[in-house]
């Protein structure tokens, strides 16, 4: 039994903001036998919040508590909690707070280090509050920026898995009128390149077909509605094609997503946040998964926020968290198999 458990991937799950729905969706997701059967888990969080969520949902606690300073890959159990009891979270907090930011930030940074050290094979992050992080003095606006700095990754992109749609964003959290000032050939080429690599390495698609959305209505209509397609997007796609990437575009945003879900493309690159997030939320409102690509560790998360307004009321759906865990397990298994194959190939060449 222990040998079979030991061969399973180890997934780290950060609890997110303690005052949000993170504790509840983690408890509900990991309570599912089919999920616990597929991997081992280390929760980076606090026992008090998890136990409260379990009690509200009438779920018997299924984890063992362990000191957060001494986490290990070799727990003889399916779910272990690295308990950060150094963060006493007052029960009356139901929104952004400094202590919530300090706790959720520590969960994340420690999970990233555990992934870099090989203690865990992937990180699944429950939602954090950007306001709480700011109150705690964090210099990162969110997970993506933190992950990029801690893993020394100069390039990164947000990717979303929404049913049949796999999508990356060229620009992330930018005001719409500010996009034009940061819209460069590199800002388009980067996510095309990173999405191509991610689809190959983590989703077993040998030669991904990538469609790229236009920025302007009707893809600019030959410059009538803007020249970014000719001036920026098309040169970026030429660079990508010269690098061996199978990509096409720019296509009008009102048609490209239909083409993708019908199977014409394996992935899509959208130019700005809501251009990509509207189809993602329409296709998989409660099951969409956010994946950070361009970094050397696997990180997924639910594609929703802290939902402070329903936290602690046993109303949160765990479906997006379940999907994030399943995608993380899939990615970890594929990576492990590829690493094993590469090692076997190297050993064979040396002999």
Protein backbone atom coordinates (compact mmCIF):
# COMPACT_ATOMS: atom_id res chain seq x y z
CA UNK A 1 0.00 0.00 0.00
CA UNK A 2 2.73 2.46 0.96
CA UNK A 3 4.72 1.59 -2.15
CA UNK A 4 1.76 2.33 -4.43
CA UNK A 5 1.03 5.59 -2.59
CA UNK A 6 4.69 6.55 -2.80
CA UNK A 7 4.64 6.41 -6.59
CA UNK A 8 1.77 8.88 -6.86
CA UNK A 9 2.37 12.58 -7.56
CA UNK A 10 2.39 14.91 -4.58
CA UNK A 11 0.24 17.98 -5.07
CA UNK A 12 0.63 21.04 -2.86
CA UNK A 13 -2.57 23.00 -2.25
CA UNK A 14 -2.36 26.50 -0.77
CA UNK A 15 -5.37 27.63 1.25
CA UNK A 16 -5.53 31.17 -0.14
CA UNK A 17 -6.98 33.97 1.94
CA UNK A 18 -8.21 32.39 5.21
CA UNK A 19 -11.29 34.63 5.20
CA UNK A 20 -12.28 33.56 1.69
CA UNK A 21 -13.79 30.35 0.32
CA UNK A 22 -10.39 28.63 -0.04
CA UNK A 23 -10.75 26.43 3.06
CA UNK A 24 -14.24 25.33 2.01
CA UNK A 25 -13.46 24.45 -1.62
CA UNK A 26 -10.30 22.59 -0.60
CA UNK A 27 -12.15 20.48 1.97
CA UNK A 28 -15.00 19.72 -0.42
CA UNK A 29 -12.69 18.90 -3.35
CA UNK A 30 -10.31 16.66 -1.41
CA UNK A 31 -13.23 14.91 0.29
CA UNK A 32 -14.00 13.32 -3.10
CA UNK A 33 -12.61 9.73 -3.05
CA UNK A 34 -11.79 9.79 -6.77
CA UNK A 35 -9.56 12.83 -6.30
CA UNK A 36 -7.77 11.49 -3.23
CA UNK A 37 -7.27 8.21 -5.08
CA UNK A 38 -5.28 9.90 -7.86
CA UNK A 39 -2.52 11.60 -5.84
CA UNK A 40 -1.14 12.58 -2.47
CA UNK A 41 -1.67 16.08 -1.11
CA UNK A 42 -0.03 18.59 1.19
CA UNK A 43 -2.24 21.50 2.21
CA UNK A 44 -0.45 24.73 3.10
CA UNK A 45 -2.92 26.36 5.48
CA UNK A 46 -4.45 26.46 8.94
CA UNK A 47 -6.28 23.68 10.72
CA UNK A 48 -8.81 25.94 12.38
CA UNK A 49 -10.22 27.28 9.09
CA UNK A 50 -10.22 23.86 7.41
CA UNK A 51 -11.90 22.20 10.41
CA UNK A 52 -14.58 24.90 10.51
CA UNK A 53 -15.29 24.44 6.79
CA UNK A 54 -15.46 20.66 7.23
CA UNK A 55 -17.86 21.00 10.14
CA UNK A 56 -20.17 23.32 8.17
CA UNK A 57 -20.18 20.86 5.26
CA UNK A 58 -20.61 17.87 7.61
CA UNK A 59 -17.36 16.32 6.37
CA UNK A 60 -15.19 14.33 8.74
CA UNK A 61 -11.61 15.72 8.75
CA UNK A 62 -9.44 13.46 6.58
CA UNK A 63 -6.02 15.06 6.97
CA UNK A 64 -3.18 14.70 9.44
CA UNK A 65 -1.61 17.80 10.95
CA UNK A 66 2.10 18.38 10.69
CA UNK A 67 4.51 21.19 11.51
CA UNK A 68 4.78 23.58 8.58
CA UNK A 69 8.55 23.89 9.18
CA UNK A 70 9.13 20.19 8.53
CA UNK A 71 7.11 19.22 5.49
CA UNK A 72 8.13 16.02 3.74
CA UNK A 73 7.34 14.17 0.54
CA UNK A 74 7.15 10.91 2.45
CA UNK A 75 3.99 11.24 4.54
CA UNK A 76 2.43 7.75 4.90
CA UNK A 77 -1.01 9.17 4.17
CA UNK A 78 -3.04 10.70 1.36
CA UNK A 79 -3.56 14.21 2.79
CA UNK A 80 -1.27 16.09 5.16
CA UNK A 81 -1.75 19.62 6.47
CA UNK A 82 1.27 21.84 6.95
CA UNK A 83 -0.39 23.76 9.77
CA UNK A 84 0.54 27.44 10.03
CA UNK A 85 -0.79 27.97 13.51
CA UNK A 86 1.42 31.06 13.77
CA UNK A 87 -1.38 32.91 12.00
CA UNK A 88 -4.37 33.21 14.35
CA UNK A 89 -7.20 34.39 12.11
CA UNK A 90 -9.99 36.14 14.06
CA UNK A 91 -13.39 34.64 13.32
CA UNK A 92 -14.93 38.07 12.70
CA UNK A 93 -12.77 38.78 9.63
CA UNK A 94 -14.90 38.40 6.51
CA UNK A 95 -12.95 40.50 4.02
CA UNK A 96 -9.50 41.71 3.10
CA UNK A 97 -7.06 42.00 6.01
CA UNK A 98 -3.37 42.35 6.74
CA UNK A 99 -3.20 39.02 8.58
CA UNK A 100 -5.05 37.30 5.74
CA UNK A 101 -2.51 38.71 3.31
CA UNK A 102 0.43 37.66 5.48
CA UNK A 103 -0.91 34.12 5.84
CA UNK A 104 -1.86 33.55 2.20
CA UNK A 105 1.44 35.02 1.03
CA UNK A 106 3.39 32.67 3.30
CA UNK A 107 1.38 29.64 2.10
CA UNK A 108 2.29 30.52 -1.49
CA UNK A 109 5.97 31.28 -1.01
CA UNK A 110 6.53 28.09 0.98
CA UNK A 111 4.68 25.99 -1.60
CA UNK A 112 6.79 27.47 -4.39
CA UNK A 113 9.97 26.58 -2.50
CA UNK A 114 8.65 23.06 -1.89
CA UNK A 115 8.02 22.66 -5.61
CA UNK A 116 11.50 23.95 -6.47
CA UNK A 117 12.98 21.48 -3.96
CA UNK A 118 11.04 18.53 -5.40
CA UNK A 119 8.96 17.97 -2.26
CA UNK A 120 5.78 18.49 -4.27
CA UNK A 121 5.18 17.96 -8.00
CA UNK A 122 2.68 20.78 -8.54
CA UNK A 123 1.10 23.72 -6.76
CA UNK A 124 -2.65 24.38 -6.74
CA UNK A 125 -3.48 27.78 -5.30
CA UNK A 126 -6.82 28.71 -3.76
CA UNK A 127 -7.87 32.35 -4.33
CA UNK A 128 -6.01 35.19 -2.67
CA UNK A 129 -7.10 38.77 -2.12
CA UNK A 130 -4.88 41.25 -3.94
CA UNK A 131 -6.06 43.88 -1.44
CA UNK A 132 -4.96 41.68 1.47
CA UNK A 133 -1.55 41.20 -0.12
CA UNK A 134 -1.18 44.94 -0.53
CA UNK A 135 -2.15 45.47 3.12
CA UNK A 136 0.51 42.92 4.09
CA UNK A 137 3.16 44.86 2.18
CA UNK A 138 3.56 42.43 -0.71
CA UNK A 139 5.27 43.86 -3.79
CA UNK A 140 3.50 41.41 -6.11
CA UNK A 141 -0.05 42.16 -7.30
CA UNK A 142 -0.90 38.48 -7.57
CA UNK A 143 0.17 34.86 -7.92
CA UNK A 144 1.56 35.14 -11.46
CA UNK A 145 4.06 37.87 -10.64
CA UNK A 146 5.11 36.14 -7.40
CA UNK A 147 5.67 32.83 -9.18
CA UNK A 148 7.71 34.48 -11.94
CA UNK A 149 10.03 36.23 -9.49
CA UNK A 150 10.48 33.30 -7.12
CA UNK A 151 11.31 30.93 -10.01
CA UNK A 152 13.47 33.53 -11.80
CA UNK A 153 11.32 33.31 -14.91
CA UNK A 154 11.59 36.41 -17.13
CA UNK A 155 8.72 35.23 -19.31
CA UNK A 156 5.36 34.04 -18.07
CA UNK A 157 1.76 33.96 -19.24
CA UNK A 158 -1.68 33.17 -17.89
CA UNK A 159 -3.27 30.15 -19.55
CA UNK A 160 -6.82 28.94 -19.00
CA UNK A 161 -8.33 25.50 -19.52
CA UNK A 162 -12.08 25.74 -20.11
CA UNK A 163 -13.50 22.48 -21.41
CA UNK A 164 -12.26 22.16 -25.02
CA UNK A 165 -10.65 25.62 -24.98
CA UNK A 166 -7.03 26.23 -23.97
CA UNK A 167 -6.23 29.92 -24.01
CA UNK A 168 -3.33 32.22 -23.15
CA UNK A 169 -3.40 35.99 -22.65
CA UNK A 170 -1.02 38.45 -24.32
CA UNK A 171 -1.73 41.15 -21.73
CA UNK A 172 -3.04 40.40 -18.26
CA UNK A 173 -4.21 42.90 -15.65
CA UNK A 174 -4.02 46.11 -17.65
CA UNK A 175 -6.58 48.88 -17.93
CA UNK A 176 -8.11 48.61 -21.39
CA UNK A 177 -6.90 52.07 -22.44
CA UNK A 178 -3.38 51.20 -21.21
CA UNK A 179 -3.07 48.09 -23.38
CA UNK A 180 -2.02 50.16 -26.40
CA UNK A 181 1.01 51.49 -24.52
CA UNK A 182 2.31 47.99 -23.69
CA UNK A 183 1.28 46.23 -26.87
CA UNK A 184 4.47 45.08 -28.60
CA UNK A 185 5.60 42.33 -30.93
CA UNK A 186 7.24 40.60 -27.97
CA UNK A 187 4.07 40.78 -25.89
CA UNK A 188 2.27 38.78 -28.62
CA UNK A 189 5.10 36.41 -29.54
CA UNK A 190 5.77 35.45 -25.91
CA UNK A 191 2.42 33.80 -25.09
CA UNK A 192 2.29 32.14 -28.53
CA UNK A 193 5.67 30.56 -27.82
CA UNK A 194 4.86 29.66 -24.21
CA UNK A 195 1.46 28.19 -25.11
CA UNK A 196 3.06 26.08 -27.83
CA UNK A 197 5.61 24.71 -25.33
CA UNK A 198 2.99 24.09 -22.63
CA UNK A 199 0.68 22.18 -24.98
CA UNK A 200 3.60 19.97 -25.99
CA UNK A 201 5.08 19.39 -22.54
CA UNK A 202 1.99 19.15 -20.37
CA UNK A 203 -0.90 18.18 -22.63
CA UNK A 204 0.75 15.66 -25.00
CA UNK A 205 0.01 17.61 -28.18
CA UNK A 206 3.10 17.07 -30.39
CA UNK A 207 2.43 19.82 -32.95
CA UNK A 208 -0.10 22.27 -31.50
CA UNK A 209 -2.22 24.39 -33.84
CA UNK A 210 -2.47 27.86 -32.32
CA UNK A 211 -4.94 30.52 -33.39
CA UNK A 212 -4.23 34.15 -32.54
CA UNK A 213 -6.98 36.71 -32.00
CA UNK A 214 -6.94 40.19 -33.46
CA UNK A 215 -7.03 43.25 -31.24
CA UNK A 216 -9.47 45.36 -33.26
CA UNK A 217 -12.97 44.66 -34.64
CA UNK A 218 -12.92 42.65 -37.87
CA UNK A 219 -9.15 42.19 -37.40
CA UNK A 220 -8.72 45.86 -38.28
CA UNK A 221 -10.27 45.63 -41.79
CA UNK A 222 -6.91 46.34 -43.45
CA UNK A 223 -6.20 49.28 -41.19
CA UNK A 224 -9.64 50.89 -41.17
CA UNK A 225 -10.16 50.16 -37.46
CA UNK A 226 -6.56 50.22 -36.26
CA UNK A 227 -3.18 49.06 -37.54
CA UNK A 228 -2.05 46.83 -34.65
CA UNK A 229 -2.80 43.68 -36.66
CA UNK A 230 -0.37 44.67 -39.44
CA UNK A 231 2.13 46.50 -37.26
CA UNK A 232 2.39 44.15 -34.26
CA UNK A 233 0.43 40.88 -34.43
CA UNK A 234 1.40 39.76 -37.94
CA UNK A 235 5.15 40.35 -37.37
CA UNK A 236 4.90 38.42 -34.09
CA UNK A 237 3.28 35.50 -35.91
CA UNK A 238 5.99 35.60 -38.57
CA UNK A 239 8.60 35.28 -35.82
CA UNK A 240 6.68 32.37 -34.33
CA UNK A 241 6.42 30.58 -37.67
CA UNK A 242 10.15 31.06 -38.25
CA UNK A 243 10.66 29.39 -34.84
CA UNK A 244 8.69 26.36 -36.06
CA UNK A 245 5.40 27.16 -34.32
CA UNK A 246 2.22 26.15 -36.13
CA UNK A 247 0.17 29.32 -35.70
CA UNK A 248 -2.38 31.31 -37.69
CA UNK A 249 -4.07 34.70 -37.43
CA UNK A 250 -4.92 37.31 -36.52
CA UNK A 251 -8.58 36.27 -36.59
CA UNK A 252 -11.51 38.46 -35.49
CA UNK A 253 -12.28 37.75 -31.84
CA UNK A 254 -15.94 37.10 -32.64
CA UNK A 255 -15.07 33.98 -34.69
CA UNK A 256 -11.81 32.52 -33.40
CA UNK A 257 -13.18 30.93 -30.23
CA UNK A 258 -15.85 29.05 -32.14
CA UNK A 259 -13.16 27.75 -34.50
CA UNK A 260 -11.17 26.56 -31.48
CA UNK A 261 -13.95 24.67 -29.74
CA UNK A 262 -14.86 23.05 -33.06
CA UNK A 263 -11.34 21.61 -33.19
CA UNK A 264 -9.58 23.87 -35.69
CA UNK A 265 -7.08 25.00 -33.04
CA UNK A 266 -5.53 23.33 -30.00
CA UNK A 267 -4.99 26.67 -28.31
CA UNK A 268 -5.82 30.37 -28.69
CA UNK A 269 -3.94 33.52 -27.72
CA UNK A 270 -6.20 36.44 -26.79
CA UNK A 271 -4.91 39.98 -26.79
CA UNK A 272 -6.36 41.30 -23.53
CA UNK A 273 -7.96 40.02 -20.35
CA UNK A 274 -11.69 40.20 -21.03
CA UNK A 275 -11.36 39.21 -24.68
CA UNK A 276 -10.16 35.84 -23.41
CA UNK A 277 -12.03 35.57 -20.13
CA UNK A 278 -15.53 36.05 -21.56
CA UNK A 279 -15.41 32.83 -23.63
CA UNK A 280 -13.61 31.02 -20.79
CA UNK A 281 -16.36 31.89 -18.31
CA UNK A 282 -19.12 31.16 -20.82
CA UNK A 283 -17.72 27.72 -21.60
CA UNK A 284 -16.78 26.71 -18.06
CA UNK A 285 -18.12 29.17 -15.52
CA UNK A 286 -17.61 26.89 -12.52
CA UNK A 287 -14.93 24.57 -13.91
CA UNK A 288 -12.33 26.82 -15.55
CA UNK A 289 -8.69 26.43 -14.50
CA UNK A 290 -5.89 29.01 -14.52
CA UNK A 291 -2.41 27.67 -15.36
CA UNK A 292 0.78 29.71 -15.11
CA UNK A 293 3.03 28.88 -18.07
CA UNK A 294 6.64 29.89 -18.67
CA UNK A 295 7.80 28.90 -15.18
CA UNK A 296 9.72 25.70 -14.29
CA UNK A 297 7.09 24.41 -11.84
CA UNK A 298 3.47 23.40 -12.36
CA UNK A 299 0.88 25.80 -10.96
CA UNK A 300 -2.88 25.73 -11.42
CA UNK A 301 -5.74 27.45 -9.66
CA UNK A 302 -9.51 27.88 -9.81
CA UNK A 303 -10.51 30.69 -12.17
CA UNK A 304 -12.48 32.63 -9.54
CA UNK A 305 -11.85 34.85 -6.55
CA UNK A 306 -12.15 34.75 -2.78
CA UNK A 307 -15.93 35.30 -2.69
CA UNK A 308 -15.77 36.88 0.76
CA UNK A 309 -19.53 37.43 0.67
CA UNK A 310 -20.32 33.70 0.88
CA UNK A 311 -17.27 32.52 2.83
CA UNK A 312 -18.06 30.42 5.88
CA UNK A 313 -21.64 29.74 4.77
CA UNK A 314 -21.16 26.36 3.07
CA UNK A 315 -22.36 27.84 -0.24
CA UNK A 316 -19.19 27.66 -2.35
CA UNK A 317 -18.93 25.20 -5.24
CA UNK A 318 -15.69 23.19 -5.33
CA UNK A 319 -15.95 22.37 -9.06
CA UNK A 320 -13.27 24.79 -10.25
CA UNK A 321 -10.92 23.64 -7.47
CA UNK A 322 -11.60 20.01 -8.43
CA UNK A 323 -10.75 20.85 -12.04
CA UNK A 324 -7.57 22.69 -10.98
CA UNK A 325 -6.45 19.66 -8.96
CA UNK A 326 -7.22 17.25 -11.81
CA UNK A 327 -5.32 19.38 -14.34
CA UNK A 328 -2.35 19.62 -11.95
CA UNK A 329 -2.31 15.84 -11.51
CA UNK A 330 -2.50 15.31 -15.27
CA UNK A 331 0.32 17.78 -15.91
CA UNK A 332 2.49 16.25 -13.17
CA UNK A 333 2.03 12.74 -14.53
CA UNK A 334 2.82 13.76 -18.11
CA UNK A 335 5.92 15.66 -16.97
CA UNK A 336 7.09 12.73 -14.88
CA UNK A 337 6.68 10.32 -17.81
CA UNK A 338 8.53 12.69 -20.16
CA UNK A 339 11.37 13.16 -17.67
CA UNK A 340 11.61 9.40 -17.25
CA UNK A 341 11.70 8.87 -21.01
CA UNK A 342 14.38 11.52 -21.46
CA UNK A 343 16.48 9.88 -18.74
CA UNK A 344 16.10 6.48 -20.38
CA UNK A 345 17.10 7.97 -23.75
CA UNK A 346 20.14 9.64 -22.19
CA UNK A 347 21.19 6.41 -20.44
CA UNK A 348 20.76 4.46 -23.67
CA UNK A 349 22.91 6.93 -25.63
CA UNK A 350 25.63 6.78 -22.99
CA UNK A 351 25.78 2.99 -23.23
